[in-house]
């Protein structure tokens, strides 16, 4: 009977599910926004290189 009343295992499973959902949403956000962020960083890098070349 003590085993049936123990809720520590259930709590661990709940935490694992929450962590899994957070990881899933983080991965989905990365997949959705990753290419856009990479494009913006590439444009910024190109602008910095052009600005440096123009100053010489």
N, C-alpha and C. Protein backbone atom coordinates (compact mmCIF):
# COMPACT_ATOMS: atom_id res chain seq x y z
N UNK A 1 0.81 -1.20 0.00
CA UNK A 1 0.00 0.00 0.00
C UNK A 1 0.86 1.26 0.00
N UNK A 2 2.02 1.19 0.68
CA UNK A 2 2.88 2.36 0.71
C UNK A 2 3.32 2.75 -0.68
N UNK A 3 3.55 1.75 -1.52
CA UNK A 3 4.01 1.99 -2.89
C UNK A 3 2.95 2.75 -3.69
N UNK A 4 1.70 2.46 -3.47
CA UNK A 4 0.62 3.12 -4.21
C UNK A 4 0.45 4.57 -3.78
N UNK A 5 0.81 4.89 -2.53
CA UNK A 5 0.66 6.26 -2.04
C UNK A 5 1.87 7.14 -2.34
N UNK A 6 2.96 6.54 -2.74
CA UNK A 6 4.18 7.29 -3.03
C UNK A 6 4.01 8.07 -4.33
N UNK A 7 4.20 9.37 -4.26
CA UNK A 7 3.98 10.21 -5.44
C UNK A 7 5.28 10.78 -6.00
N UNK A 8 6.42 10.37 -5.48
CA UNK A 8 7.70 10.90 -5.96
C UNK A 8 7.94 10.51 -7.41
N UNK A 9 7.61 9.28 -7.78
CA UNK A 9 7.78 8.84 -9.16
C UNK A 9 6.92 9.62 -10.11
N UNK A 10 5.68 9.90 -9.72
CA UNK A 10 4.77 10.66 -10.57
C UNK A 10 5.29 12.08 -10.77
N UNK A 11 5.84 12.67 -9.74
CA UNK A 11 6.37 14.01 -9.85
C UNK A 11 7.56 14.04 -10.81
N UNK A 12 8.41 13.04 -10.73
CA UNK A 12 9.56 12.98 -11.64
C UNK A 12 9.11 12.86 -13.08
N UNK A 13 8.09 12.06 -13.32
CA UNK A 13 7.56 11.90 -14.67
C UNK A 13 6.97 13.21 -15.16
N UNK A 14 6.26 13.91 -14.31
CA UNK A 14 5.68 15.20 -14.70
C UNK A 14 6.77 16.20 -15.06
N UNK A 15 7.83 16.25 -14.26
CA UNK A 15 8.94 17.16 -14.56
C UNK A 15 9.61 16.78 -15.88
N UNK A 16 9.76 15.51 -16.11
CA UNK A 16 10.37 15.05 -17.37
C UNK A 16 9.51 15.45 -18.56
N UNK A 17 8.20 15.36 -18.42
CA UNK A 17 7.30 15.76 -19.51
C UNK A 17 7.39 17.27 -19.76
N UNK A 18 7.48 18.06 -18.70
CA UNK A 18 7.60 19.51 -18.85
C UNK A 18 8.90 19.85 -19.56
N UNK A 19 10.00 19.23 -19.14
CA UNK A 19 11.29 19.49 -19.77
C UNK A 19 11.26 19.08 -21.24
N UNK A 20 10.62 17.96 -21.53
CA UNK A 20 10.49 17.52 -22.91
C UNK A 20 9.70 18.50 -23.76
N UNK A 21 8.62 19.03 -23.22
CA UNK A 21 7.82 20.02 -23.97
C UNK A 21 8.61 21.30 -24.20
N UNK A 22 9.36 21.74 -23.20
CA UNK A 22 10.18 22.94 -23.37
C UNK A 22 11.21 22.72 -24.47
N UNK A 23 11.85 21.55 -24.46
CA UNK A 23 12.83 21.24 -25.50
C UNK A 23 12.19 21.20 -26.87
N UNK A 24 10.99 20.63 -26.96
CA UNK A 24 10.27 20.56 -28.23
C UNK A 24 9.95 21.95 -28.76
N UNK A 25 9.45 22.83 -27.90
CA UNK A 25 9.14 24.19 -28.33
C UNK A 25 10.39 24.97 -28.70
N UNK A 26 11.49 24.77 -27.97
CA UNK A 26 12.73 25.45 -28.31
C UNK A 26 13.24 25.00 -29.67
N UNK A 27 13.16 23.70 -29.94
CA UNK A 27 13.59 23.18 -31.23
C UNK A 27 12.70 23.71 -32.35
N UNK A 28 11.40 23.77 -32.13
CA UNK A 28 10.47 24.29 -33.14
C UNK A 28 10.75 25.77 -33.42
N UNK A 29 11.03 26.54 -32.38
CA UNK A 29 11.34 27.95 -32.57
C UNK A 29 12.64 28.11 -33.34
N UNK A 30 13.63 27.28 -33.04
CA UNK A 30 14.90 27.34 -33.76
C UNK A 30 14.68 27.01 -35.23
N UNK A 31 13.89 25.99 -35.51
CA UNK A 31 13.64 25.60 -36.89
C UNK A 31 12.87 26.70 -37.64
N UNK A 32 11.96 27.36 -36.97
CA UNK A 32 11.15 28.40 -37.61
C UNK A 32 11.95 29.68 -37.82
N UNK A 33 12.79 30.05 -36.87
CA UNK A 33 13.47 31.34 -36.93
C UNK A 33 14.95 31.24 -37.27
N UNK A 34 15.50 30.05 -37.30
CA UNK A 34 16.92 29.87 -37.49
C UNK A 34 17.45 30.49 -38.77
N UNK A 35 16.79 30.25 -39.89
CA UNK A 35 17.26 30.77 -41.17
C UNK A 35 17.14 32.29 -41.24
N UNK A 36 16.10 32.84 -40.65
CA UNK A 36 15.94 34.29 -40.65
C UNK A 36 17.04 34.96 -39.82
N UNK A 37 17.31 34.41 -38.66
CA UNK A 37 18.36 34.96 -37.81
C UNK A 37 19.72 34.83 -38.50
N UNK A 38 19.97 33.70 -39.13
CA UNK A 38 21.23 33.48 -39.83
C UNK A 38 21.37 34.48 -40.98
N UNK A 39 20.29 34.78 -41.68
CA UNK A 39 20.33 35.75 -42.78
C UNK A 39 20.64 37.15 -42.25
N UNK A 40 20.03 37.53 -41.15
CA UNK A 40 20.26 38.85 -40.57
C UNK A 40 21.70 38.99 -40.11
N UNK A 41 22.23 37.96 -39.46
CA UNK A 41 23.62 38.01 -39.01
C UNK A 41 24.56 38.09 -40.20
N UNK A 42 24.25 37.36 -41.27
CA UNK A 42 25.06 37.43 -42.49
C UNK A 42 25.07 38.82 -43.10
N UNK A 43 23.91 39.47 -43.10
CA UNK A 43 23.83 40.84 -43.63
C UNK A 43 24.64 41.80 -42.77
N UNK A 44 24.55 41.64 -41.47
CA UNK A 44 25.31 42.51 -40.58
C UNK A 44 26.81 42.30 -40.80
N UNK A 45 27.23 41.05 -40.96
CA UNK A 45 28.65 40.74 -41.19
C UNK A 45 29.13 41.38 -42.49
N UNK A 46 28.30 41.28 -43.53
CA UNK A 46 28.65 41.87 -44.82
C UNK A 46 28.76 43.39 -44.71
N UNK A 47 27.83 44.01 -44.00
CA UNK A 47 27.88 45.47 -43.81
C UNK A 47 29.13 45.90 -43.07
N UNK A 48 29.52 45.11 -42.07
CA UNK A 48 30.74 45.44 -41.32
C UNK A 48 31.97 45.31 -42.21
N UNK A 49 32.01 44.29 -43.05
CA UNK A 49 33.15 44.12 -43.95
C UNK A 49 33.21 45.25 -44.96
N UNK A 50 32.07 45.69 -45.48
CA UNK A 50 32.03 46.79 -46.43
C UNK A 50 32.46 48.09 -45.77
N UNK A 51 32.02 48.31 -44.53
CA UNK A 51 32.40 49.53 -43.82
C UNK A 51 33.90 49.56 -43.55
N UNK A 52 34.47 48.42 -43.21
CA UNK A 52 35.90 48.33 -42.98
C UNK A 52 36.68 48.56 -44.25
N UNK A 53 36.21 48.00 -45.37
CA UNK A 53 36.89 48.17 -46.66
C UNK A 53 36.81 49.62 -47.14
N UNK A 54 35.71 50.30 -46.83
CA UNK A 54 35.54 51.69 -47.25
C UNK A 54 36.42 52.64 -46.47
N UNK A 55 36.86 52.27 -45.27
CA UNK A 55 37.68 53.15 -44.45
C UNK A 55 39.14 53.11 -44.78
N UNK A 56 39.57 52.19 -45.61
CA UNK A 56 41.00 52.07 -45.91
C UNK A 56 41.43 53.01 -46.98
